[in-house]
Amino acid sequence: MHADAVETQFVTFSLDKEIFAAPVAQVREILDYAPAFKIPNGPSYLLGLIDVRGQGVPTLDLRMRLGMQAVPPTPQTRILVLDVALADRTLTLGLVADRVFEVVAFFPDQIEAAPDVGVTWGSDYIAGVVRRPEGFVVLVDIAKLLSAEETKALAASAKIEVAA
């Protein structure tokens, strides 16, 4: 079935009861949750900056960015630190997830196109979906999750000096 197909590895994580996945190639590391240094006048989903090995990394509440209800962190809450390739640079970004599960491999023939729901809404970030016995896994295209203006603002916020 997958004879000549090359598998792609993904890290699976959850937001509420939904399962999402990001390509392993983008994941720099997975950290325990820690509060971020708040950036004044940032969008509500921008929690602020976290220090990752001396680099200020803008950190987003992915639930809020996707229009879900914000929830307080739990002992399972994690921050996925991703290197997202944009047209002109690589943006390092932290995404808060309720829980990180595992690394899984999907073959191209397992990945279905994002469903057409017939309405215009921000679903461009869905790179595809994979059916599993326990439900669907939504493959996230992090670069498409943010507009060009948002990526510029986030890149600028990472350059803010954080006083220790």
N, C-alpha and C. Protein backbone atom coordinates (compact mmCIF):
# COMPACT_ATOMS: atom_id res chain seq x y z
N MET A 1 0.83 -1.20 0.00
CA MET A 1 0.00 0.00 0.00
C MET A 1 0.86 1.25 0.00
N HIS A 2 1.94 1.25 0.81
CA HIS A 2 2.81 2.43 0.90
C HIS A 2 4.16 2.14 0.22
N ALA A 3 4.20 1.25 -0.75
CA ALA A 3 5.45 0.72 -1.29
C ALA A 3 6.53 1.77 -1.56
N ASP A 4 6.23 2.77 -2.40
CA ASP A 4 7.26 3.75 -2.75
C ASP A 4 7.07 5.07 -2.00
N ALA A 5 6.04 5.16 -1.17
CA ALA A 5 5.73 6.42 -0.50
C ALA A 5 6.70 6.68 0.64
N VAL A 6 7.02 7.93 0.80
CA VAL A 6 7.89 8.34 1.90
C VAL A 6 7.02 8.88 3.02
N GLU A 7 7.24 8.35 4.21
CA GLU A 7 6.44 8.82 5.35
C GLU A 7 6.97 10.15 5.85
N THR A 8 6.09 10.91 6.47
CA THR A 8 6.46 12.16 7.13
C THR A 8 6.14 12.01 8.60
N GLN A 9 7.06 12.45 9.45
CA GLN A 9 6.88 12.34 10.89
C GLN A 9 6.21 13.62 11.42
N PHE A 10 5.28 13.42 12.34
CA PHE A 10 4.55 14.53 12.96
C PHE A 10 4.53 14.35 14.47
N VAL A 11 4.50 15.47 15.18
CA VAL A 11 4.28 15.46 16.63
C VAL A 11 2.79 15.73 16.83
N THR A 12 2.11 14.84 17.57
CA THR A 12 0.69 15.05 17.82
C THR A 12 0.50 15.72 19.17
N PHE A 13 -0.50 16.60 19.21
CA PHE A 13 -0.82 17.33 20.44
C PHE A 13 -2.30 17.62 20.46
N SER A 14 -2.80 17.98 21.65
CA SER A 14 -4.24 18.23 21.75
C SER A 14 -4.53 19.64 22.22
N LEU A 15 -5.70 20.10 21.79
CA LEU A 15 -6.35 21.30 22.29
C LEU A 15 -7.77 20.84 22.57
N ASP A 16 -8.14 20.82 23.84
CA ASP A 16 -9.42 20.26 24.26
C ASP A 16 -9.45 18.80 23.80
N LYS A 17 -10.50 18.40 23.08
CA LYS A 17 -10.60 17.00 22.64
C LYS A 17 -10.09 16.81 21.22
N GLU A 18 -9.64 17.89 20.59
CA GLU A 18 -9.16 17.82 19.21
C GLU A 18 -7.67 17.46 19.18
N ILE A 19 -7.30 16.63 18.19
CA ILE A 19 -5.91 16.23 18.03
C ILE A 19 -5.35 16.93 16.79
N PHE A 20 -4.20 17.54 16.96
CA PHE A 20 -3.50 18.25 15.89
C PHE A 20 -2.12 17.64 15.73
N ALA A 21 -1.46 17.97 14.63
CA ALA A 21 -0.10 17.49 14.41
C ALA A 21 0.69 18.53 13.65
N ALA A 22 1.96 18.66 14.02
CA ALA A 22 2.90 19.55 13.33
C ALA A 22 4.08 18.71 12.86
N PRO A 23 4.66 19.05 11.72
CA PRO A 23 5.79 18.26 11.22
C PRO A 23 6.96 18.27 12.21
N VAL A 24 7.53 17.10 12.44
CA VAL A 24 8.68 16.98 13.33
C VAL A 24 9.81 17.90 12.87
N ALA A 25 9.96 18.06 11.55
CA ALA A 25 11.04 18.89 11.02
C ALA A 25 10.97 20.33 11.53
N GLN A 26 9.77 20.80 11.94
CA GLN A 26 9.63 22.16 12.45
C GLN A 26 9.85 22.25 13.96
N VAL A 27 9.76 21.13 14.66
CA VAL A 27 9.79 21.16 16.12
C VAL A 27 11.23 21.18 16.62
N ARG A 28 11.59 22.27 17.26
CA ARG A 28 12.93 22.40 17.82
C ARG A 28 13.01 21.67 19.16
N GLU A 29 12.01 21.91 20.00
CA GLU A 29 11.95 21.22 21.30
C GLU A 29 10.57 21.37 21.90
N ILE A 30 10.31 20.58 22.93
CA ILE A 30 9.04 20.62 23.65
C ILE A 30 9.37 20.92 25.10
N LEU A 31 8.78 21.98 25.63
CA LEU A 31 9.10 22.44 26.98
C LEU A 31 7.89 22.30 27.90
N ASP A 32 8.18 22.13 29.18
CA ASP A 32 7.11 22.23 30.18
C ASP A 32 6.59 23.66 30.13
N TYR A 33 5.33 23.84 30.47
CA TYR A 33 4.75 25.18 30.45
C TYR A 33 5.42 26.07 31.48
N ALA A 34 5.68 27.30 31.09
CA ALA A 34 6.16 28.34 32.00
C ALA A 34 5.50 29.63 31.54
N PRO A 35 5.14 30.52 32.48
CA PRO A 35 4.51 31.78 32.07
C PRO A 35 5.45 32.60 31.19
N ALA A 36 4.86 33.33 30.27
CA ALA A 36 5.62 34.16 29.34
C ALA A 36 5.73 35.58 29.89
N PHE A 37 6.78 36.28 29.45
CA PHE A 37 6.97 37.70 29.75
C PHE A 37 6.02 38.47 28.84
N LYS A 38 5.03 39.10 29.42
CA LYS A 38 3.96 39.77 28.66
C LYS A 38 4.50 40.93 27.83
N ILE A 39 4.00 41.03 26.61
CA ILE A 39 4.35 42.15 25.72
C ILE A 39 3.15 43.09 25.67
N PRO A 40 3.33 44.35 26.07
CA PRO A 40 2.20 45.29 26.05
C PRO A 40 1.62 45.45 24.65
N ASN A 41 0.31 45.61 24.58
CA ASN A 41 -0.41 45.89 23.34
C ASN A 41 -0.34 44.78 22.29
N GLY A 42 0.02 43.58 22.71
CA GLY A 42 0.04 42.46 21.76
C GLY A 42 -1.37 41.91 21.60
N PRO A 43 -1.60 41.12 20.54
CA PRO A 43 -2.91 40.50 20.38
C PRO A 43 -3.20 39.55 21.54
N SER A 44 -4.47 39.27 21.80
CA SER A 44 -4.85 38.47 22.96
C SER A 44 -4.24 37.08 22.96
N TYR A 45 -4.01 36.51 21.78
CA TYR A 45 -3.45 35.16 21.71
C TYR A 45 -1.94 35.12 21.92
N LEU A 46 -1.27 36.29 21.90
CA LEU A 46 0.17 36.35 22.13
C LEU A 46 0.40 36.42 23.64
N LEU A 47 0.87 35.32 24.20
CA LEU A 47 1.10 35.27 25.65
C LEU A 47 2.29 36.12 26.05
N GLY A 48 3.25 36.26 25.14
CA GLY A 48 4.46 37.04 25.42
C GLY A 48 5.69 36.28 24.94
N LEU A 49 6.81 36.56 25.60
CA LEU A 49 8.08 35.92 25.23
C LEU A 49 8.50 34.92 26.29
N ILE A 50 9.10 33.82 25.84
CA ILE A 50 9.76 32.91 26.76
C ILE A 50 11.23 32.88 26.37
N ASP A 51 12.08 32.57 27.32
CA ASP A 51 13.51 32.48 27.07
C ASP A 51 13.84 31.03 26.72
N VAL A 52 14.31 30.84 25.50
CA VAL A 52 14.73 29.51 25.06
C VAL A 52 16.21 29.59 24.71
N ARG A 53 17.03 29.14 25.63
CA ARG A 53 18.50 29.13 25.46
C ARG A 53 19.03 30.50 25.06
N GLY A 54 18.55 31.54 25.75
CA GLY A 54 19.03 32.89 25.53
C GLY A 54 18.32 33.65 24.41
N GLN A 55 17.35 33.04 23.76
CA GLN A 55 16.61 33.69 22.68
C GLN A 55 15.19 33.98 23.16
N GLY A 56 14.71 35.22 22.94
CA GLY A 56 13.32 35.55 23.23
C GLY A 56 12.42 34.98 22.16
N VAL A 57 11.51 34.08 22.55
CA VAL A 57 10.65 33.40 21.59
C VAL A 57 9.20 33.81 21.82
N PRO A 58 8.54 34.45 20.81
CA PRO A 58 7.13 34.79 20.96
C PRO A 58 6.32 33.50 21.14
N THR A 59 5.41 33.53 22.11
CA THR A 59 4.64 32.34 22.44
C THR A 59 3.15 32.62 22.32
N LEU A 60 2.46 31.74 21.57
CA LEU A 60 1.05 31.93 21.29
C LEU A 60 0.21 30.91 22.04
N ASP A 61 -0.96 31.34 22.47
CA ASP A 61 -1.97 30.43 22.98
C ASP A 61 -2.73 29.95 21.75
N LEU A 62 -2.42 28.74 21.31
CA LEU A 62 -3.00 28.23 20.07
C LEU A 62 -4.52 28.11 20.17
N ARG A 63 -5.02 27.80 21.37
CA ARG A 63 -6.47 27.74 21.56
C ARG A 63 -7.12 29.07 21.18
N MET A 64 -6.56 30.17 21.71
CA MET A 64 -7.14 31.49 21.45
C MET A 64 -6.98 31.87 19.98
N ARG A 65 -5.85 31.52 19.37
CA ARG A 65 -5.62 31.85 17.96
C ARG A 65 -6.64 31.16 17.07
N LEU A 66 -7.09 29.98 17.50
CA LEU A 66 -8.07 29.22 16.71
C LEU A 66 -9.51 29.49 17.14
N GLY A 67 -9.70 30.48 18.03
CA GLY A 67 -11.04 30.86 18.44
C GLY A 67 -11.65 29.96 19.51
N MET A 68 -10.82 29.20 20.19
CA MET A 68 -11.30 28.33 21.26
C MET A 68 -11.20 29.07 22.60
N GLN A 69 -11.83 28.52 23.60
CA GLN A 69 -11.81 29.10 24.95
C GLN A 69 -10.43 28.90 25.58
N ALA A 70 -9.87 29.96 26.17
CA ALA A 70 -8.61 29.84 26.90
C ALA A 70 -8.85 29.05 28.18
N VAL A 71 -7.86 28.27 28.57
CA VAL A 71 -7.96 27.52 29.83
C VAL A 71 -6.66 27.69 30.61
N PRO A 72 -6.74 27.57 31.94
CA PRO A 72 -5.50 27.66 32.71
C PRO A 72 -4.59 26.47 32.42
N PRO A 73 -3.27 26.66 32.53
CA PRO A 73 -2.36 25.55 32.28
C PRO A 73 -2.53 24.43 33.32
N THR A 74 -2.24 23.22 32.92
CA THR A 74 -2.28 22.05 33.80
C THR A 74 -0.87 21.45 33.83
N PRO A 75 -0.64 20.43 34.64
CA PRO A 75 0.68 19.78 34.62
C PRO A 75 1.03 19.16 33.26
N GLN A 76 0.03 18.91 32.40
CA GLN A 76 0.30 18.33 31.07
C GLN A 76 0.53 19.39 30.00
N THR A 77 0.28 20.67 30.29
CA THR A 77 0.44 21.74 29.30
C THR A 77 1.90 21.83 28.87
N ARG A 78 2.11 21.94 27.57
CA ARG A 78 3.47 22.02 27.01
C ARG A 78 3.56 23.19 26.04
N ILE A 79 4.79 23.60 25.78
CA ILE A 79 5.08 24.61 24.75
C ILE A 79 5.92 23.93 23.69
N LEU A 80 5.38 23.89 22.47
CA LEU A 80 6.14 23.38 21.34
C LEU A 80 6.91 24.56 20.76
N VAL A 81 8.23 24.45 20.71
CA VAL A 81 9.06 25.49 20.10
C VAL A 81 9.33 25.05 18.67
N LEU A 82 8.83 25.87 17.73
CA LEU A 82 8.89 25.52 16.31
C LEU A 82 9.73 26.53 15.54
N ASP A 83 10.41 26.04 14.52
CA ASP A 83 11.08 26.90 13.55
C ASP A 83 10.24 26.85 12.29
N VAL A 84 9.55 27.97 12.01
CA VAL A 84 8.60 28.03 10.91
C VAL A 84 9.23 28.77 9.74
N ALA A 85 9.33 28.09 8.60
CA ALA A 85 9.92 28.71 7.40
C ALA A 85 8.89 29.64 6.76
N LEU A 86 9.27 30.91 6.65
CA LEU A 86 8.45 31.89 5.95
C LEU A 86 9.16 32.23 4.65
N ALA A 87 8.55 33.07 3.84
CA ALA A 87 9.12 33.40 2.53
C ALA A 87 10.52 33.99 2.66
N ASP A 88 10.73 34.86 3.66
CA ASP A 88 12.00 35.59 3.74
C ASP A 88 12.85 35.27 4.95
N ARG A 89 12.39 34.40 5.84
CA ARG A 89 13.17 34.08 7.03
C ARG A 89 12.53 32.90 7.76
N THR A 90 13.19 32.47 8.83
CA THR A 90 12.62 31.44 9.69
C THR A 90 12.21 32.10 11.00
N LEU A 91 10.96 31.88 11.39
CA LEU A 91 10.43 32.45 12.62
C LEU A 91 10.38 31.36 13.68
N THR A 92 11.02 31.62 14.82
CA THR A 92 10.94 30.69 15.94
C THR A 92 9.76 31.12 16.79
N LEU A 93 8.90 30.17 17.10
CA LEU A 93 7.63 30.45 17.74
C LEU A 93 7.33 29.39 18.78
N GLY A 94 6.74 29.79 19.89
CA GLY A 94 6.26 28.84 20.88
C GLY A 94 4.75 28.71 20.76
N LEU A 95 4.24 27.49 20.76
CA LEU A 95 2.80 27.24 20.72
C LEU A 95 2.41 26.47 21.97
N VAL A 96 1.44 26.97 22.70
CA VAL A 96 0.98 26.28 23.90
C VAL A 96 -0.07 25.24 23.50
N ALA A 97 0.16 24.01 23.93
CA ALA A 97 -0.77 22.91 23.68
C ALA A 97 -1.19 22.31 25.02
N ASP A 98 -2.42 21.80 25.07
CA ASP A 98 -2.91 21.19 26.30
C ASP A 98 -2.07 19.99 26.69
N ARG A 99 -1.63 19.24 25.69
CA ARG A 99 -0.87 18.02 25.95
C ARG A 99 -0.15 17.62 24.66
N VAL A 100 1.05 17.07 24.79
CA VAL A 100 1.77 16.53 23.63
C VAL A 100 1.76 15.01 23.79
N PHE A 101 1.43 14.31 22.71
CA PHE A 101 1.29 12.86 22.78
C PHE A 101 2.50 12.08 22.30
N GLU A 102 2.77 12.13 20.99
CA GLU A 102 3.76 11.22 20.43
C GLU A 102 4.23 11.73 19.07
N VAL A 103 5.26 11.06 18.57
CA VAL A 103 5.68 11.26 17.20
C VAL A 103 5.09 10.11 16.40
N VAL A 104 4.39 10.45 15.32
CA VAL A 104 3.78 9.43 14.46
C VAL A 104 4.19 9.68 13.02
N ALA A 105 4.16 8.62 12.23
CA ALA A 105 4.47 8.73 10.80
C ALA A 105 3.19 8.57 10.01
N PHE A 106 3.00 9.47 9.03
CA PHE A 106 1.88 9.35 8.12
C PHE A 106 2.43 9.28 6.70
N PHE A 107 1.82 8.41 5.89
CA PHE A 107 2.17 8.31 4.49
C PHE A 107 1.27 9.24 3.70
N PRO A 108 1.73 9.73 2.54
CA PRO A 108 0.91 10.66 1.75
C PRO A 108 -0.50 10.13 1.47
N ASP A 109 -0.66 8.82 1.25
CA ASP A 109 -1.99 8.30 0.92
C ASP A 109 -2.92 8.25 2.14
N GLN A 110 -2.40 8.52 3.34
CA GLN A 110 -3.24 8.59 4.53
C GLN A 110 -3.79 10.00 4.75
N ILE A 111 -3.17 10.99 4.11
CA ILE A 111 -3.52 12.38 4.35
C ILE A 111 -4.58 12.83 3.36
N GLU A 112 -5.74 13.21 3.89
CA GLU A 112 -6.84 13.70 3.06
C GLU A 112 -6.76 15.22 3.02
N ALA A 113 -7.29 15.79 1.96
CA ALA A 113 -7.35 17.25 1.86
C ALA A 113 -8.25 17.79 2.97
N ALA A 114 -8.01 19.03 3.34
CA ALA A 114 -8.88 19.68 4.34
C ALA A 114 -10.29 19.70 3.77
N PRO A 115 -11.27 19.37 4.60
CA PRO A 115 -12.64 19.34 4.09
C PRO A 115 -13.14 20.73 3.68
N ASP A 116 -13.92 20.79 2.62
CA ASP A 116 -14.53 22.03 2.19
C ASP A 116 -15.84 22.17 2.96
N VAL A 117 -15.88 23.15 3.86
CA VAL A 117 -17.08 23.32 4.68
C VAL A 117 -18.08 24.28 4.05
N GLY A 118 -17.73 24.83 2.89
CA GLY A 118 -18.69 25.65 2.17
C GLY A 118 -18.82 27.08 2.66
N VAL A 119 -18.03 27.46 3.63
CA VAL A 119 -18.07 28.84 4.11
C VAL A 119 -16.64 29.36 4.19
N THR A 120 -16.50 30.66 4.16
CA THR A 120 -15.18 31.26 4.26
C THR A 120 -14.84 31.47 5.72
N TRP A 121 -13.87 30.76 6.21
CA TRP A 121 -13.37 30.93 7.57
C TRP A 121 -11.91 30.56 7.56
N GLY A 122 -11.24 30.88 8.61
CA GLY A 122 -9.79 30.71 8.65
C GLY A 122 -9.34 29.27 8.75
N SER A 123 -9.55 28.48 7.70
CA SER A 123 -9.11 27.09 7.74
C SER A 123 -7.92 26.85 6.81
N ASP A 124 -7.32 27.92 6.30
CA ASP A 124 -6.16 27.78 5.42
C ASP A 124 -5.00 27.07 6.12
N TYR A 125 -4.97 27.15 7.43
CA TYR A 125 -3.88 26.56 8.20
C TYR A 125 -3.97 25.04 8.26
N ILE A 126 -5.07 24.44 7.77
CA ILE A 126 -5.22 22.98 7.80
C ILE A 126 -4.54 22.42 6.55
N ALA A 127 -3.43 21.72 6.76
CA ALA A 127 -2.69 21.14 5.64
C ALA A 127 -3.32 19.82 5.19
N GLY A 128 -4.13 19.23 6.03
CA GLY A 128 -4.80 17.99 5.70
C GLY A 128 -5.32 17.34 6.98
N VAL A 129 -6.01 16.23 6.81
CA VAL A 129 -6.49 15.47 7.97
C VAL A 129 -6.17 13.99 7.75
N VAL A 130 -5.98 13.31 8.86
CA VAL A 130 -5.71 11.87 8.83
C VAL A 130 -6.77 11.20 9.70
N ARG A 131 -7.41 10.16 9.13
CA ARG A 131 -8.39 9.38 9.90
C ARG A 131 -7.64 8.34 10.72
N ARG A 132 -8.01 8.27 12.00
CA ARG A 132 -7.51 7.20 12.85
C ARG A 132 -8.72 6.60 13.55
N PRO A 133 -8.58 5.40 14.08
CA PRO A 133 -9.75 4.76 14.73
C PRO A 133 -10.38 5.64 15.82
N GLU A 134 -9.55 6.41 16.52
CA GLU A 134 -10.07 7.25 17.61
C GLU A 134 -10.56 8.62 17.14
N GLY A 135 -10.45 8.90 15.83
CA GLY A 135 -10.92 10.19 15.32
C GLY A 135 -9.94 10.78 14.33
N PHE A 136 -10.13 12.05 14.01
CA PHE A 136 -9.28 12.72 13.04
C PHE A 136 -8.09 13.41 13.70
N VAL A 137 -7.00 13.50 12.96
CA VAL A 137 -5.84 14.30 13.33
C VAL A 137 -5.76 15.41 12.30
N VAL A 138 -5.73 16.66 12.76
CA VAL A 138 -5.64 17.81 11.87
C VAL A 138 -4.17 18.20 11.74
N LEU A 139 -3.66 18.17 10.51
CA LEU A 139 -2.28 18.56 10.24
C LEU A 139 -2.24 20.08 10.07
N VAL A 140 -1.41 20.73 10.88
CA VAL A 140 -1.38 22.19 10.92
C VAL A 140 -0.22 22.73 10.09
N ASP A 141 -0.52 23.70 9.23
CA ASP A 141 0.52 24.45 8.50
C ASP A 141 0.71 25.74 9.29
N ILE A 142 1.71 25.74 10.17
CA ILE A 142 1.90 26.87 11.09
C ILE A 142 2.13 28.17 10.34
N ALA A 143 2.84 28.13 9.21
CA ALA A 143 3.11 29.36 8.45
C ALA A 143 1.81 30.00 7.98
N LYS A 144 0.78 29.19 7.68
CA LYS A 144 -0.49 29.74 7.20
C LYS A 144 -1.43 30.11 8.34
N LEU A 145 -1.04 29.76 9.56
CA LEU A 145 -1.86 30.08 10.73
C LEU A 145 -1.84 31.59 11.01
N LEU A 146 -0.77 32.23 10.59
CA LEU A 146 -0.59 33.66 10.86
C LEU A 146 -0.54 34.44 9.55
N SER A 147 -1.09 35.64 9.58
CA SER A 147 -1.02 36.50 8.40
C SER A 147 0.39 37.08 8.28
N ALA A 148 0.69 37.67 7.13
CA ALA A 148 2.00 38.29 6.92
C ALA A 148 2.26 39.38 7.94
N GLU A 149 1.22 40.16 8.27
CA GLU A 149 1.38 41.23 9.26
C GLU A 149 1.68 40.66 10.63
N GLU A 150 1.00 39.55 10.96
CA GLU A 150 1.23 38.93 12.27
C GLU A 150 2.64 38.38 12.38
N THR A 151 3.15 37.75 11.31
CA THR A 151 4.50 37.20 11.40
C THR A 151 5.53 38.31 11.54
N LYS A 152 5.31 39.45 10.86
CA LYS A 152 6.24 40.58 11.01
C LYS A 152 6.22 41.11 12.44
N ALA A 153 5.02 41.24 13.01
CA ALA A 153 4.89 41.74 14.38
C ALA A 153 5.52 40.78 15.37
N LEU A 154 5.35 39.48 15.15
CA LEU A 154 5.93 38.50 16.07
C LEU A 154 7.45 38.50 15.96
N ALA A 155 7.96 38.61 14.74
CA ALA A 155 9.42 38.67 14.57
C ALA A 155 9.97 39.91 15.27
N ALA A 156 9.26 41.03 15.16
CA ALA A 156 9.71 42.26 15.84
C ALA A 156 9.65 42.09 17.35
N SER A 157 8.63 41.40 17.86
CA SER A 157 8.51 41.23 19.31
C SER A 157 9.65 40.39 19.86
N ALA A 158 10.17 39.49 19.06
CA ALA A 158 11.27 38.64 19.53
C ALA A 158 12.55 39.45 19.71
N LYS A 159 12.62 40.61 19.07
CA LYS A 159 13.82 41.44 19.18
C LYS A 159 13.78 42.37 20.39
N ILE A 160 12.63 42.40 21.09
CA ILE A 160 12.53 43.22 22.30
C ILE A 160 13.48 42.64 23.34
N GLU A 161 14.25 43.48 23.95
CA GLU A 161 15.17 43.02 24.98
C GLU A 161 14.40 42.71 26.25
N VAL A 162 14.59 41.52 26.78
CA VAL A 162 13.93 41.12 28.02
C VAL A 162 14.92 41.33 29.16
N ALA A 163 14.58 42.24 30.06
CA ALA A 163 15.46 42.49 31.19
C ALA A 163 15.35 41.33 32.17
N ALA A 164 16.48 40.79 32.56
CA ALA A 164 16.47 39.63 33.47
C ALA A 164 16.39 40.08 34.91
